[in-house]
């Protein structure tokens, strides 16, 4: 029975991260024909369809606005909005593999922010992972040898937003409801991005509506799958599976978008992913709760939350 539950949980996790990759591919198909603000806002509207499936017994619709810590809830509200803008910008301007590689810096950001804001003790292994991750970034970006774009800034900001979400959850504690965390992110993206989109807002074509709907609905489906996966297997088992998104990125890149990856970028991507996996390997969770599966941003990097007392 336990084995069957584990298999079911891992399959759900694979499906969740596949859905996140399809979500990102959908927004990339817009090819920048719509502002990042408008795409993010409309996508979040479609993403709200996930709310009923994330509600647990005893939850009420008003719990979307309920919280144990209003300032931190508002921080998630804002960080999700700007992180989504960053992610949309990244997938618009970069290849999917390159965008994912930079967004996967999230574990490095979590480690640094945990030390600065949560006063956690971090050992040599996690600091080594941070160094490896940033070396990978330098290899991918090759500053001075290739032109950097707003897409690179957006990808890094997307990863930083996910890290903020994780640190916010850990500061709040496990009493915060999933529906509140998910609602804060979605509502923040709808409202903040919607306001920013007003000056350049356009009426989407039928094709644009299709892509935007795919962007939001696939992300909502992914969040639901991830929540159910977390009910069958521990978060530390789900975490490494998110790197399957890189396989989808390469597949979409070659088959749909005509992307090409050179050898230095492959080396950088391997180092960045290795950095994240090294961080996950240190996950033993000594009394520090992991974020719920719907806590972080649309990249689904929910399961990376370094333990509080890892001194190794």
Protein backbone atom coordinates (compact mmCIF):
# COMPACT_ATOMS: atom_id res chain seq x y z
CA UNK A 1 0.00 0.00 0.00
CA UNK A 2 2.79 2.43 0.94
CA UNK A 3 4.60 1.67 -2.32
CA UNK A 4 1.44 2.30 -4.33
CA UNK A 5 0.94 5.66 -2.61
CA UNK A 6 4.56 6.62 -3.29
CA UNK A 7 4.23 5.76 -6.98
CA UNK A 8 0.96 7.69 -7.18
CA UNK A 9 2.54 10.72 -5.51
CA UNK A 10 5.57 10.72 -7.81
CA UNK A 11 3.36 10.38 -10.91
CA UNK A 12 1.24 13.31 -9.73
CA UNK A 13 4.40 15.36 -9.13
CA UNK A 14 5.70 14.58 -12.62
CA UNK A 15 2.33 15.57 -14.07
CA UNK A 16 2.35 18.78 -12.03
CA UNK A 17 5.75 19.93 -13.26
CA UNK A 18 4.84 18.93 -16.81
CA UNK A 19 1.75 21.14 -16.51
CA UNK A 20 3.92 24.02 -15.26
CA UNK A 21 6.16 23.59 -18.32
CA UNK A 22 3.12 23.60 -20.63
CA UNK A 23 1.93 26.75 -18.85
CA UNK A 24 5.23 28.49 -19.55
CA UNK A 25 5.25 27.28 -23.16
CA UNK A 26 1.76 28.74 -23.59
CA UNK A 27 2.84 32.20 -22.53
CA UNK A 28 5.97 31.97 -24.69
CA UNK A 29 3.72 31.30 -27.69
CA UNK A 30 2.47 34.87 -27.34
CA UNK A 31 5.90 35.96 -28.63
CA UNK A 32 5.63 39.31 -26.87
CA UNK A 33 2.48 40.33 -28.78
CA UNK A 34 0.89 41.26 -25.45
CA UNK A 35 2.52 43.17 -22.59
CA UNK A 36 3.90 41.04 -19.77
CA UNK A 37 1.58 42.88 -17.38
CA UNK A 38 -1.55 41.99 -19.34
CA UNK A 39 -0.48 38.39 -19.93
CA UNK A 40 0.31 37.92 -16.24
CA UNK A 41 -2.98 39.46 -15.11
CA UNK A 42 -5.22 37.54 -17.54
CA UNK A 43 -3.35 34.31 -16.83
CA UNK A 44 -3.94 34.77 -13.10
CA UNK A 45 -7.67 35.28 -13.72
CA UNK A 46 -7.77 31.86 -15.38
CA UNK A 47 -5.59 30.52 -12.57
CA UNK A 48 -8.29 31.32 -10.05
CA UNK A 49 -10.19 28.24 -11.25
CA UNK A 50 -7.85 26.22 -9.06
CA UNK A 51 -9.22 27.69 -5.83
CA UNK A 52 -12.21 25.31 -5.37
CA UNK A 53 -9.92 22.29 -5.75
CA UNK A 54 -7.46 23.60 -3.16
CA UNK A 55 -10.08 24.17 -0.47
CA UNK A 56 -10.04 21.69 2.39
CA UNK A 57 -12.82 20.65 4.73
CA UNK A 58 -13.89 23.63 6.82
CA UNK A 59 -12.40 26.22 4.47
CA UNK A 60 -14.55 29.18 3.44
CA UNK A 61 -14.22 31.49 0.48
CA UNK A 62 -13.39 34.36 2.83
CA UNK A 63 -10.30 32.40 3.91
CA UNK A 64 -8.68 33.59 0.70
CA UNK A 65 -8.23 36.90 2.52
CA UNK A 66 -7.69 35.46 6.00
CA UNK A 67 -4.15 35.28 7.35
CA UNK A 68 -2.14 34.91 10.52
CA UNK A 69 0.20 37.71 9.47
CA UNK A 70 -1.14 40.51 7.25
CA UNK A 71 2.22 42.18 6.42
CA UNK A 72 3.69 38.88 5.22
CA UNK A 73 0.47 38.05 3.33
CA UNK A 74 0.79 41.39 1.54
CA UNK A 75 4.46 40.69 0.82
CA UNK A 76 3.46 37.46 -0.91
CA UNK A 77 0.62 39.36 -2.66
CA UNK A 78 3.18 41.77 -4.17
CA UNK A 79 6.10 39.39 -4.73
CA UNK A 80 3.96 36.93 -6.68
CA UNK A 81 2.80 39.73 -8.97
CA UNK A 82 6.26 41.01 -9.81
CA UNK A 83 7.71 37.51 -9.94
CA UNK A 84 5.08 36.52 -12.50
CA UNK A 85 5.95 39.57 -14.59
CA UNK A 86 9.59 38.49 -14.40
CA UNK A 87 8.78 34.94 -15.47
CA UNK A 88 6.59 36.04 -18.39
CA UNK A 89 9.32 38.44 -19.52
CA UNK A 90 11.93 35.68 -19.26
CA UNK A 91 9.99 33.19 -21.35
CA UNK A 92 9.20 35.90 -23.90
CA UNK A 93 12.84 36.90 -24.47
CA UNK A 94 14.86 33.76 -23.69
CA UNK A 95 14.87 30.13 -24.70
CA UNK A 96 12.87 28.00 -22.29
CA UNK A 97 15.98 26.14 -21.12
CA UNK A 98 17.85 29.35 -20.35
CA UNK A 99 14.87 30.87 -18.55
CA UNK A 100 14.40 27.75 -16.42
CA UNK A 101 18.11 27.60 -15.61
CA UNK A 102 18.09 31.11 -14.15
CA UNK A 103 14.77 30.64 -12.35
CA UNK A 104 16.25 27.50 -10.78
CA UNK A 105 18.56 29.79 -8.79
CA UNK A 106 15.68 29.79 -6.31
CA UNK A 107 17.43 27.42 -3.82
CA UNK A 108 20.44 29.75 -3.71
CA UNK A 109 18.19 32.71 -2.95
CA UNK A 110 16.37 30.74 -0.26
CA UNK A 111 19.67 29.90 1.45
CA UNK A 112 20.86 33.51 1.43
CA UNK A 113 17.51 34.94 2.55
CA UNK A 114 17.19 32.33 5.30
CA UNK A 115 20.47 33.51 6.76
CA UNK A 116 19.68 37.22 6.43
CA UNK A 117 16.01 37.27 7.48
CA UNK A 118 15.43 34.07 9.46
CA UNK A 119 18.89 34.01 11.10
CA UNK A 120 19.37 30.36 10.20
CA UNK A 121 22.72 28.64 10.41
CA UNK A 122 23.97 27.35 7.08
CA UNK A 123 26.84 24.91 6.69
CA UNK A 124 29.55 24.46 4.11
CA UNK A 125 27.49 22.16 1.89
CA UNK A 126 24.69 24.66 1.31
CA UNK A 127 27.13 27.54 0.83
CA UNK A 128 29.00 25.37 -1.69
CA UNK A 129 25.70 24.84 -3.53
CA UNK A 130 25.18 28.61 -3.68
CA UNK A 131 28.67 29.15 -5.12
CA UNK A 132 28.17 26.38 -7.70
CA UNK A 133 24.84 27.90 -8.71
CA UNK A 134 26.26 31.35 -9.29
CA UNK A 135 29.22 29.93 -11.23
CA UNK A 136 26.66 28.22 -13.45
CA UNK A 137 24.91 31.56 -13.96
CA UNK A 138 28.15 33.25 -15.03
CA UNK A 139 28.74 30.47 -17.56
CA UNK A 140 25.17 30.74 -18.92
CA UNK A 141 25.23 34.54 -19.12
CA UNK A 142 28.89 34.98 -20.15
CA UNK A 143 28.84 38.71 -19.34
CA UNK A 144 31.02 40.62 -21.76
CA UNK A 145 30.81 37.90 -24.41
CA UNK A 146 27.10 37.97 -25.21
CA UNK A 147 24.33 40.52 -25.00
CA UNK A 148 22.20 40.38 -21.89
CA UNK A 149 18.51 41.25 -22.13
CA UNK A 150 15.54 42.14 -19.97
CA UNK A 151 14.68 38.44 -20.13
CA UNK A 152 17.71 37.56 -17.99
CA UNK A 153 16.64 40.11 -15.38
CA UNK A 154 13.11 38.73 -15.47
CA UNK A 155 14.26 35.13 -14.96
CA UNK A 156 16.39 36.03 -11.94
CA UNK A 157 13.53 38.08 -10.52
CA UNK A 158 11.17 35.13 -11.02
CA UNK A 159 13.47 32.90 -8.98
CA UNK A 160 13.85 35.57 -6.32
CA UNK A 161 10.06 35.88 -6.05
CA UNK A 162 9.73 32.14 -5.45
CA UNK A 163 12.37 32.36 -2.73
CA UNK A 164 10.49 35.21 -1.06
CA UNK A 165 7.33 33.08 -1.05
CA UNK A 166 9.13 30.23 0.68
CA UNK A 167 10.74 32.47 3.29
CA UNK A 168 7.38 34.16 3.89
CA UNK A 169 5.73 30.81 4.53
CA UNK A 170 8.45 29.72 6.90
CA UNK A 171 8.14 32.97 8.80
CA UNK A 172 4.36 32.53 9.01
CA UNK A 173 4.45 28.90 10.11
CA UNK A 174 2.27 25.94 9.13
CA UNK A 175 -0.97 27.45 10.46
CA UNK A 176 -1.45 29.50 7.27
CA UNK A 177 -4.04 27.92 4.98
CA UNK A 178 -3.18 26.79 1.47
CA UNK A 179 -6.12 28.69 0.03
CA UNK A 180 -4.87 31.90 1.66
CA UNK A 181 -1.35 31.50 0.27
CA UNK A 182 -2.58 30.60 -3.21
CA UNK A 183 -5.20 33.34 -3.13
CA UNK A 184 -2.69 35.99 -2.09
CA UNK A 185 -0.49 35.16 -5.07
CA UNK A 186 -3.28 35.00 -7.61
CA UNK A 187 -5.09 38.12 -6.38
CA UNK A 188 -1.84 40.05 -6.25
CA UNK A 189 -1.06 39.14 -9.84
CA UNK A 190 -4.58 39.95 -11.07
CA UNK A 191 -4.75 43.35 -9.37
CA UNK A 192 -1.15 44.63 -9.52
CA UNK A 193 -0.48 43.44 -13.06
CA UNK A 194 -3.94 44.51 -14.17
CA UNK A 195 -3.32 48.07 -13.02
CA UNK A 196 0.10 48.16 -14.66
CA UNK A 197 -1.39 46.81 -17.91
CA UNK A 198 -3.99 49.57 -18.32
CA UNK A 199 -1.85 52.04 -20.36
CA UNK A 200 -0.96 49.45 -23.03
CA UNK A 201 -3.96 47.15 -22.77
CA UNK A 202 -5.23 45.61 -26.00
CA UNK A 203 -8.15 43.36 -26.92
CA UNK A 204 -6.68 39.86 -27.32
CA UNK A 205 -7.32 37.91 -30.49
CA UNK A 206 -8.87 34.44 -30.32
CA UNK A 207 -5.41 32.87 -30.54
CA UNK A 208 -4.06 35.09 -27.76
CA UNK A 209 -7.01 34.16 -25.54
CA UNK A 210 -6.18 30.49 -26.16
CA UNK A 211 -2.54 30.93 -25.15
CA UNK A 212 -3.37 33.05 -22.09
CA UNK A 213 -6.01 30.56 -20.98
CA UNK A 214 -3.50 27.75 -21.39
CA UNK A 215 -0.98 29.70 -19.34
CA UNK A 216 -3.35 30.18 -16.41
CA UNK A 217 -5.25 26.88 -16.52
CA UNK A 218 -2.16 24.68 -16.83
CA UNK A 219 -0.62 26.50 -13.84
CA UNK A 220 -3.80 25.95 -11.80
CA UNK A 221 -3.89 22.26 -12.73
CA UNK A 222 -0.23 21.97 -11.73
CA UNK A 223 -0.90 23.51 -8.31
CA UNK A 224 -3.75 21.06 -7.68
CA UNK A 225 -1.67 18.05 -8.78
CA UNK A 226 1.21 19.20 -6.61
CA UNK A 227 -0.99 19.52 -3.55
CA UNK A 228 -2.31 15.98 -4.03
CA UNK A 229 1.20 14.68 -4.66
CA UNK A 230 2.32 16.16 -1.33
CA UNK A 231 -0.42 14.11 0.36
CA UNK A 232 1.23 10.86 -0.79
CA UNK A 233 4.96 11.53 -0.61
CA UNK A 234 7.17 13.89 1.45
CA UNK A 235 8.21 17.21 -0.03
CA UNK A 236 11.86 16.16 -0.09
CA UNK A 237 10.92 13.38 -2.54
CA UNK A 238 9.01 15.80 -4.78
CA UNK A 239 11.64 18.53 -4.87
CA UNK A 240 14.11 16.92 -7.29
CA UNK A 241 11.29 16.11 -9.73
CA UNK A 242 10.85 19.79 -10.54
CA UNK A 243 14.05 19.57 -12.58
CA UNK A 244 12.11 17.45 -15.07
CA UNK A 245 10.90 20.83 -16.32
CA UNK A 246 14.30 21.25 -17.95
CA UNK A 247 13.61 18.22 -20.15
CA UNK A 248 10.30 19.77 -21.22
CA UNK A 249 12.11 23.06 -21.85
CA UNK A 250 14.63 21.42 -24.17
CA UNK A 251 11.85 19.45 -25.92
CA UNK A 252 9.66 22.50 -26.48
CA UNK A 253 12.69 24.54 -27.47
CA UNK A 254 13.70 22.23 -30.29
CA UNK A 255 10.28 21.14 -31.51
CA UNK A 256 8.25 24.34 -31.15
CA UNK A 257 10.46 27.40 -30.76
CA UNK A 258 13.58 26.50 -32.74
CA UNK A 259 15.89 27.10 -29.76
CA UNK A 260 19.48 25.93 -29.79
CA UNK A 261 21.68 25.31 -26.75
CA UNK A 262 25.46 25.58 -27.06
CA UNK A 263 28.01 23.70 -24.95
CA UNK A 264 28.77 26.50 -22.44
CA UNK A 265 25.04 26.87 -21.75
CA UNK A 266 24.73 23.12 -21.19
CA UNK A 267 27.59 23.27 -18.68
CA UNK A 268 26.00 26.23 -16.88
CA UNK A 269 22.59 24.56 -16.79
CA UNK A 270 24.13 21.38 -15.34
CA UNK A 271 25.88 23.40 -12.62
CA UNK A 272 22.74 25.36 -11.70
CA UNK A 273 20.57 22.23 -11.57
CA UNK A 274 23.32 20.43 -9.65
CA UNK A 275 23.36 23.30 -7.17
CA UNK A 276 19.64 22.90 -6.56
CA UNK A 277 19.89 19.14 -6.22
CA UNK A 278 22.80 19.49 -3.78
CA UNK A 279 20.64 21.79 -1.68
CA UNK A 280 17.77 19.30 -1.78
CA UNK A 281 20.13 16.52 -0.72
CA UNK A 282 20.73 18.40 2.51
CA UNK A 283 17.00 18.44 3.25
CA UNK A 284 16.38 16.55 6.46
CA UNK A 285 13.91 19.06 7.91
CA UNK A 286 14.70 19.15 11.61
CA UNK A 287 11.56 20.79 12.91
CA UNK A 288 11.29 23.33 10.10
CA UNK A 289 8.05 22.96 8.09
CA UNK A 290 8.20 22.88 4.33
CA UNK A 291 5.95 25.21 2.36
CA UNK A 292 2.69 23.72 1.15
CA UNK A 293 2.59 22.67 -2.47
CA UNK A 294 0.67 25.76 -3.53
CA UNK A 295 2.77 28.31 -1.67
CA UNK A 296 5.33 29.53 -4.20
CA UNK A 297 5.25 30.91 -7.69
CA UNK A 298 4.15 29.52 -11.01
CA UNK A 299 7.36 27.64 -11.59
CA UNK A 300 6.36 25.13 -8.99
CA UNK A 301 9.59 25.45 -7.05
CA UNK A 302 7.59 24.85 -3.93
CA UNK A 303 9.44 22.04 -2.37
CA UNK A 304 12.85 23.65 -1.81
CA UNK A 305 13.12 24.84 1.77
CA UNK A 306 16.49 24.25 3.42
CA UNK A 307 16.41 22.97 6.98
CA UNK A 308 17.03 25.35 9.82
CA UNK A 309 19.83 23.54 11.61
CA UNK A 310 21.95 22.01 8.86
CA UNK A 311 25.49 22.93 9.89
CA UNK A 312 27.15 20.62 7.40
